[in-house]
Amino acid sequence: MSQYADELRSLVDDLAASGNPDLWNSLVGLGLPRVGIDEERGGSGGSLDDLLVVVQSLAGHGIGVPVVEASTADWVLSHARELDAEPSTVLLLDSALDAESGTLTAELSAVPWARDAARLVLCAPHSAPLVVDLRHASVTVSPVDNIAGEPRDTVTLHATPAVLLEGAPSYGAVRERLALLWSAAVLGAAHGAYRLTRSYVAEREQFGAPLLKIPAVAGNLARMRVQLVQADAALALATEAAPPEGATEIVRITTAAAATEIAQIAHQLHGAMGITAEYPLHHLTRRLWSWRDAVASERSWAESLGRRAAEAGESGVWTRITATGH
């Protein structure tokens, strides 16, 4: 747990409440996207836990900014070169691209915030990361948005120069870091949707009493709370100093399930109010639907966890459960 959690949450809450139309530049100016990167590498210092607090707090306000992507790209870059002020983004690939000639020719889909970034860090299994200049003349960026209205652009590379980042973190390390950050983002948005829904049913009256007094409404609110408690516990487990094997899969499965149920119940309890453009619920639920499958789908994480269990065997699974105390 971050020792600066309360201070970071308070700072993000103040920024969110300010209504600043240039929030991203304010975050950059305060160094928040580079929290979790050592100062000697050009970062703001602090730990991954600190960055998780920043991500979760921003998501709790339904704010969509590229803090997950920019922070991860800079974390990778900081291991191979000195960081500068230019914005970067990151993309995970299923397989390595052919860059033996020092250039890349490819069409990349769902590249987060490519239109606003100067560099793209590409991470693939069994290969060192590559970085390309998105402002190079050989690069074409075609704007595409996800369901939350956030950039997930198509990037076309035409013999674009690519630099190998020797000494940078492995694909597995980058994937795990992104999984934890997206889990924190989903949790933040889920908590935000719960708070908004609880406030709504406590204030909205029917038959002379708040909606919260209706047993079915109270029961659904309790279901939301249970999902949050489970997801909070899964993230705490995954961020322990020595997390058990499979903890990353568990937190992604748990937060994805929470996102689905909480978004559904939130809209059920809000009724028509929840889908109006002026009401803030959709800023949270559209992000829950978009972020729940970031990095990989819930099914993919479940299959990975299942393979771990199958490889360990019955006695192995039992030993791990009883030995770790989880």
Protein backbone atom coordinates (compact mmCIF):
# COMPACT_ATOMS: atom_id res chain seq x y z
CA MET A 1 0.00 0.00 0.00
CA SER A 2 1.33 3.44 -0.90
CA GLN A 3 2.39 5.53 2.11
CA TYR A 4 1.40 8.62 0.12
CA ALA A 5 -2.05 7.32 -0.85
CA ASP A 6 -4.08 9.95 1.00
CA GLU A 7 -1.99 12.84 -0.32
CA LEU A 8 -2.14 11.56 -3.89
CA ARG A 9 -5.90 11.00 -3.74
CA SER A 10 -6.42 14.48 -2.34
CA LEU A 11 -4.28 16.01 -5.08
CA VAL A 12 -6.16 14.18 -7.84
CA ASP A 13 -9.53 15.04 -6.27
CA ASP A 14 -8.60 18.73 -6.24
CA LEU A 15 -7.48 18.60 -9.87
CA ALA A 16 -10.66 16.80 -10.93
CA ALA A 17 -12.86 19.29 -9.07
CA SER A 18 -11.09 22.27 -10.65
CA GLY A 19 -12.74 21.65 -14.02
CA ASN A 20 -9.45 22.48 -15.73
CA PRO A 21 -9.92 21.87 -19.48
CA ASP A 22 -6.18 21.23 -19.78
CA LEU A 23 -6.05 18.60 -17.04
CA TRP A 24 -3.49 16.40 -18.79
CA ASN A 25 -0.89 19.16 -18.96
CA SER A 26 -1.52 19.90 -15.29
CA LEU A 27 -0.89 16.25 -14.45
CA VAL A 28 2.29 16.27 -16.54
CA GLY A 29 3.43 19.51 -14.91
CA LEU A 30 3.07 17.88 -11.49
CA GLY A 31 4.99 14.81 -12.67
CA LEU A 32 2.15 12.40 -11.91
CA PRO A 33 2.46 10.28 -15.10
CA ARG A 34 6.08 9.57 -14.15
CA VAL A 35 5.36 8.45 -10.61
CA GLY A 36 6.80 4.98 -10.17
CA ILE A 37 9.90 5.77 -12.25
CA ASP A 38 13.18 6.36 -10.40
CA GLU A 39 14.28 9.98 -10.26
CA GLU A 40 17.75 9.09 -11.55
CA ARG A 41 16.03 7.72 -14.67
CA GLY A 42 14.10 10.94 -15.23
CA GLY A 43 10.97 10.00 -13.31
CA SER A 44 9.19 11.50 -10.32
CA GLY A 45 10.18 8.77 -7.88
CA GLY A 46 7.78 6.77 -5.79
CA SER A 47 6.59 3.23 -6.31
CA LEU A 48 4.19 1.35 -8.54
CA ASP A 49 1.75 1.43 -5.61
CA ASP A 50 1.84 5.23 -5.75
CA LEU A 51 1.08 5.18 -9.47
CA LEU A 52 -1.80 2.77 -8.90
CA VAL A 53 -3.33 5.30 -6.50
CA VAL A 54 -3.05 8.05 -9.12
CA VAL A 55 -4.64 5.85 -11.80
CA GLN A 56 -7.46 4.65 -9.55
CA SER A 57 -8.24 8.16 -8.31
CA LEU A 58 -8.43 9.62 -11.82
CA ALA A 59 -10.64 6.76 -12.98
CA GLY A 60 -12.95 7.28 -10.03
CA HIS A 61 -13.87 10.66 -11.48
CA GLY A 62 -14.53 9.20 -14.92
CA ILE A 63 -11.51 10.99 -16.34
CA GLY A 64 -9.94 9.54 -19.46
CA VAL A 65 -6.31 10.60 -19.80
CA PRO A 66 -3.37 8.51 -21.07
CA VAL A 67 -1.68 8.08 -17.70
CA VAL A 68 -1.54 4.26 -17.95
CA GLU A 69 -0.06 4.27 -21.44
CA ALA A 70 2.29 7.23 -21.00
CA SER A 71 3.62 6.05 -17.65
CA THR A 72 4.27 2.54 -18.95
CA ALA A 73 5.96 3.76 -22.13
CA ASP A 74 8.19 6.10 -20.14
CA TRP A 75 8.98 3.33 -17.65
CA VAL A 76 10.21 1.14 -20.52
CA LEU A 77 12.13 3.99 -22.16
CA SER A 78 13.76 5.05 -18.88
CA HIS A 79 15.68 1.76 -18.75
CA ALA A 80 17.30 2.39 -22.12
CA ARG A 81 17.63 6.15 -22.57
CA GLU A 82 17.21 9.51 -20.90
CA LEU A 83 13.61 10.70 -20.79
CA ASP A 84 12.56 13.98 -22.34
CA ALA A 85 9.31 15.95 -22.28
CA GLU A 86 7.80 14.39 -25.41
CA PRO A 87 4.67 12.23 -24.84
CA SER A 88 4.91 8.49 -25.46
CA THR A 89 2.50 5.59 -25.69
CA VAL A 90 2.83 1.80 -25.68
CA LEU A 91 1.36 -1.17 -27.53
CA LEU A 92 1.59 -4.88 -26.80
CA LEU A 93 1.96 -7.14 -29.83
CA ASP A 94 1.09 -10.82 -30.18
CA SER A 95 4.34 -11.51 -32.02
CA ALA A 96 7.53 -9.66 -32.90
CA LEU A 97 7.74 -7.51 -36.02
CA ASP A 98 10.58 -7.84 -38.51
CA ALA A 99 12.92 -4.95 -37.78
CA GLU A 100 16.22 -6.50 -38.89
CA SER A 101 16.68 -3.77 -41.49
CA GLY A 102 16.24 -1.11 -38.82
CA THR A 103 12.81 -0.18 -40.17
CA LEU A 104 9.24 -1.37 -39.71
CA THR A 105 6.42 -1.75 -42.20
CA ALA A 106 3.14 -2.68 -40.58
CA GLU A 107 -0.41 -1.61 -39.81
CA LEU A 108 -1.11 -1.46 -36.08
CA SER A 109 -4.63 -1.24 -34.73
CA ALA A 110 -6.00 0.07 -31.42
CA VAL A 111 -2.90 2.13 -30.62
CA PRO A 112 -3.84 4.18 -27.55
CA TRP A 113 -3.59 7.96 -27.93
CA ALA A 114 -1.32 7.70 -30.99
CA ARG A 115 -2.61 10.99 -32.40
CA ASP A 116 -1.30 12.83 -29.32
CA ALA A 117 1.98 10.96 -28.83
CA ALA A 118 5.43 11.59 -30.24
CA ARG A 119 6.73 8.05 -29.74
CA LEU A 120 5.35 4.53 -29.75
CA VAL A 121 6.95 1.75 -27.72
CA LEU A 122 6.24 -1.70 -29.18
CA CYS A 123 6.56 -4.74 -26.92
CA ALA A 124 6.40 -8.30 -28.24
CA PRO A 125 7.15 -11.73 -26.72
CA HIS A 126 10.74 -13.00 -26.92
CA SER A 127 12.03 -9.66 -28.23
CA ALA A 128 13.45 -6.43 -26.86
CA PRO A 129 11.04 -3.47 -27.14
CA LEU A 130 11.20 -1.19 -30.17
CA VAL A 131 10.48 2.52 -30.34
CA VAL A 132 9.31 4.48 -33.38
CA ASP A 133 8.83 8.19 -33.96
CA LEU A 134 5.12 8.77 -34.63
CA ARG A 135 5.87 12.16 -36.15
CA HIS A 136 8.14 10.70 -38.82
CA ALA A 137 7.01 11.34 -42.39
CA SER A 138 6.61 7.60 -43.01
CA VAL A 139 3.95 7.25 -40.30
CA THR A 140 0.21 7.64 -40.87
CA VAL A 141 -2.17 7.90 -37.91
CA SER A 142 -5.87 7.30 -38.59
CA PRO A 143 -8.10 8.39 -35.69
CA VAL A 144 -10.34 5.73 -34.14
CA ASP A 145 -12.15 5.96 -30.79
CA ASN A 146 -13.26 3.25 -28.39
CA ILE A 147 -16.68 3.13 -26.74
CA ALA A 148 -15.50 5.59 -24.09
CA GLY A 149 -14.47 8.12 -26.74
CA GLU A 150 -10.77 7.58 -26.08
CA PRO A 151 -8.23 7.34 -28.93
CA ARG A 152 -7.46 3.81 -30.12
CA ASP A 153 -5.94 4.78 -33.43
CA THR A 154 -4.70 2.86 -36.45
CA VAL A 155 -1.00 3.48 -37.12
CA THR A 156 0.50 2.61 -40.49
CA LEU A 157 4.29 2.35 -40.73
CA HIS A 158 5.98 2.58 -44.15
CA ALA A 159 9.65 1.60 -43.70
CA THR A 160 9.69 3.64 -40.50
CA PRO A 161 12.99 3.77 -38.57
CA ALA A 162 12.80 1.66 -35.41
CA VAL A 163 15.25 1.61 -32.50
CA LEU A 164 15.81 -1.47 -30.34
CA LEU A 165 15.65 -0.67 -26.61
CA GLU A 166 18.40 -2.86 -25.19
CA GLY A 167 18.20 -3.33 -21.43
CA ALA A 168 14.51 -2.42 -21.28
CA PRO A 169 12.02 -4.53 -19.27
CA SER A 170 10.79 -7.77 -20.81
CA TYR A 171 7.46 -8.23 -22.55
CA GLY A 172 6.18 -10.17 -19.53
CA ALA A 173 7.12 -7.39 -17.12
CA VAL A 174 5.44 -4.75 -19.28
CA ARG A 175 2.31 -6.87 -19.68
CA GLU A 176 2.07 -7.47 -15.94
CA ARG A 177 2.53 -3.77 -15.15
CA LEU A 178 -0.19 -2.82 -17.63
CA ALA A 179 -2.49 -5.48 -16.18
CA LEU A 180 -2.11 -4.04 -12.68
CA LEU A 181 -2.59 -0.46 -13.87
CA TRP A 182 -5.73 -1.33 -15.83
CA SER A 183 -7.03 -3.25 -12.83
CA ALA A 184 -6.61 -0.10 -10.74
CA ALA A 185 -8.36 1.94 -13.43
CA VAL A 186 -11.32 -0.45 -13.55
CA LEU A 187 -11.54 -0.44 -9.76
CA GLY A 188 -11.52 3.36 -9.67
CA ALA A 189 -14.33 3.63 -12.22
CA ALA A 190 -16.28 0.88 -10.43
CA HIS A 191 -16.01 2.69 -7.10
CA GLY A 192 -17.11 5.90 -8.83
CA ALA A 193 -20.17 4.19 -10.33
CA TYR A 194 -21.05 2.68 -6.95
CA ARG A 195 -20.78 6.03 -5.14
CA LEU A 196 -22.90 7.76 -7.77
CA THR A 197 -25.53 5.01 -7.69
CA ARG A 198 -25.70 4.90 -3.90
CA SER A 199 -26.14 8.66 -3.75
CA TYR A 200 -28.86 8.53 -6.40
CA VAL A 201 -30.98 5.83 -4.73
CA ALA A 202 -30.55 7.50 -1.33
CA GLU A 203 -31.86 10.84 -2.63
CA ARG A 204 -34.44 9.73 -5.22
CA GLU A 205 -37.85 9.09 -3.66
CA GLN A 206 -40.74 6.86 -4.67
CA PHE A 207 -43.97 6.43 -2.71
CA GLY A 208 -42.68 8.92 -0.16
CA ALA A 209 -39.43 7.10 0.66
CA PRO A 210 -35.93 6.87 -0.84
CA LEU A 211 -35.40 4.15 -3.43
CA LEU A 212 -32.79 2.71 -1.09
CA LYS A 213 -35.59 1.56 1.22
CA ILE A 214 -36.86 -0.86 -1.43
CA PRO A 215 -35.37 -4.30 -0.62
CA ALA A 216 -34.57 -5.12 -4.26
CA VAL A 217 -32.68 -1.84 -4.65
CA ALA A 218 -30.77 -2.33 -1.41
CA GLY A 219 -29.94 -5.88 -2.46
CA ASN A 220 -28.54 -4.77 -5.80
CA LEU A 221 -26.48 -2.09 -4.10
CA ALA A 222 -25.08 -4.76 -1.79
CA ARG A 223 -24.14 -6.87 -4.82
CA MET A 224 -22.16 -3.93 -6.18
CA ARG A 225 -20.38 -3.56 -2.85
CA VAL A 226 -19.48 -7.26 -2.74
CA GLN A 227 -17.91 -7.02 -6.19
CA LEU A 228 -15.83 -4.05 -5.03
CA VAL A 229 -14.62 -5.81 -1.90
CA GLN A 230 -13.54 -8.85 -3.94
CA ALA A 231 -11.76 -6.73 -6.54
CA ASP A 232 -10.05 -4.58 -3.89
CA ALA A 233 -8.76 -7.74 -2.21
CA ALA A 234 -7.50 -9.15 -5.52
CA LEU A 235 -5.55 -5.98 -6.30
CA ALA A 236 -4.07 -5.92 -2.79
CA LEU A 237 -2.98 -9.54 -3.27
CA ALA A 238 -1.40 -8.83 -6.66
CA THR A 239 0.60 -5.88 -5.33
CA GLU A 240 2.09 -7.64 -2.32
CA ALA A 241 5.88 -7.70 -2.08
CA ALA A 242 5.84 -11.37 -3.09
CA PRO A 243 2.47 -12.05 -4.75
CA PRO A 244 1.44 -15.68 -5.22
CA GLU A 245 1.64 -17.23 -8.66
CA GLY A 246 -1.42 -16.36 -10.72
CA ALA A 247 -2.22 -13.18 -8.79
CA THR A 248 -2.17 -11.06 -11.95
CA GLU A 249 -4.67 -13.33 -13.66
CA ILE A 250 -6.87 -13.31 -10.56
CA VAL A 251 -7.03 -9.52 -10.33
CA ARG A 252 -7.84 -9.13 -14.03
CA ILE A 253 -10.58 -11.77 -13.86
CA THR A 254 -12.03 -10.26 -10.68
CA THR A 255 -11.98 -6.66 -11.87
CA ALA A 256 -13.47 -7.60 -15.24
CA ALA A 257 -16.33 -9.42 -13.53
CA ALA A 258 -16.85 -6.45 -11.21
CA ALA A 259 -16.91 -4.05 -14.15
CA THR A 260 -19.63 -6.03 -15.90
CA GLU A 261 -21.94 -6.41 -12.91
CA ILE A 262 -21.44 -2.93 -11.47
CA ALA A 263 -22.09 -1.20 -14.80
CA GLN A 264 -25.22 -3.30 -15.33
CA ILE A 265 -26.65 -2.66 -11.87
CA ALA A 266 -25.76 1.04 -11.95
CA HIS A 267 -27.81 1.54 -15.11
CA GLN A 268 -30.67 -0.61 -13.82
CA LEU A 269 -30.96 1.48 -10.66
CA HIS A 270 -30.62 4.80 -12.46
CA GLY A 271 -33.12 4.02 -15.19
CA ALA A 272 -33.37 6.60 -17.96
CA MET A 273 -31.35 9.13 -15.95
CA GLY A 274 -28.23 7.00 -16.31
CA ILE A 275 -28.03 7.33 -20.10
CA THR A 276 -28.50 11.09 -20.38
CA ALA A 277 -25.48 12.94 -21.76
CA GLU A 278 -25.52 15.49 -18.94
CA TYR A 279 -25.44 12.90 -16.15
CA PRO A 280 -21.94 11.59 -15.27
CA LEU A 281 -22.71 7.86 -14.98
CA HIS A 282 -21.88 7.07 -18.61
CA HIS A 283 -18.39 8.54 -18.20
CA LEU A 284 -17.76 5.76 -15.69
CA THR A 285 -19.64 2.84 -17.23
CA ARG A 286 -18.34 3.35 -20.77
CA ARG A 287 -14.84 3.23 -19.35
CA LEU A 288 -15.65 0.10 -17.39
CA TRP A 289 -16.74 -1.59 -20.62
CA SER A 290 -13.65 -0.33 -22.46
CA TRP A 291 -11.04 -1.02 -19.79
CA ARG A 292 -12.23 -4.42 -18.51
CA ASP A 293 -10.55 -6.21 -21.43
CA ALA A 294 -7.48 -4.00 -21.77
CA VAL A 295 -4.28 -6.06 -22.31
CA ALA A 296 -6.34 -9.26 -22.70
CA SER A 297 -9.92 -10.46 -22.31
CA GLU A 298 -11.36 -11.93 -19.12
CA ARG A 299 -11.57 -15.29 -20.91
CA SER A 300 -7.88 -15.12 -21.85
CA TRP A 301 -6.85 -14.46 -18.24
CA ALA A 302 -9.11 -17.29 -17.04
CA GLU A 303 -7.55 -19.70 -19.54
CA SER A 304 -4.08 -18.67 -18.36
CA LEU A 305 -5.03 -19.29 -14.74
CA GLY A 306 -6.53 -22.63 -15.71
CA ARG A 307 -3.30 -23.67 -17.42
CA ARG A 308 -1.37 -22.82 -14.26
CA ALA A 309 -3.70 -25.00 -12.22
CA ALA A 310 -3.52 -27.88 -14.70
CA GLU A 311 0.27 -27.77 -14.75
CA ALA A 312 0.46 -27.74 -10.96
CA GLY A 313 -1.92 -30.67 -10.58
CA GLU A 314 -4.36 -31.29 -7.75
CA SER A 315 -1.73 -31.59 -5.04
CA GLY A 316 0.17 -28.59 -6.37
CA VAL A 317 -2.89 -26.36 -6.30
CA TRP A 318 -3.77 -27.49 -2.79
CA THR A 319 -0.21 -26.91 -1.57
CA ARG A 320 -0.15 -23.39 -2.97
CA ILE A 321 -3.49 -22.49 -1.41
CA THR A 322 -2.57 -23.80 2.03
CA ALA A 323 1.06 -22.64 1.98
CA THR A 324 0.36 -19.00 1.05
CA GLY A 325 -2.58 -18.54 3.35
CA HIS A 326 -4.64 -17.06 0.50
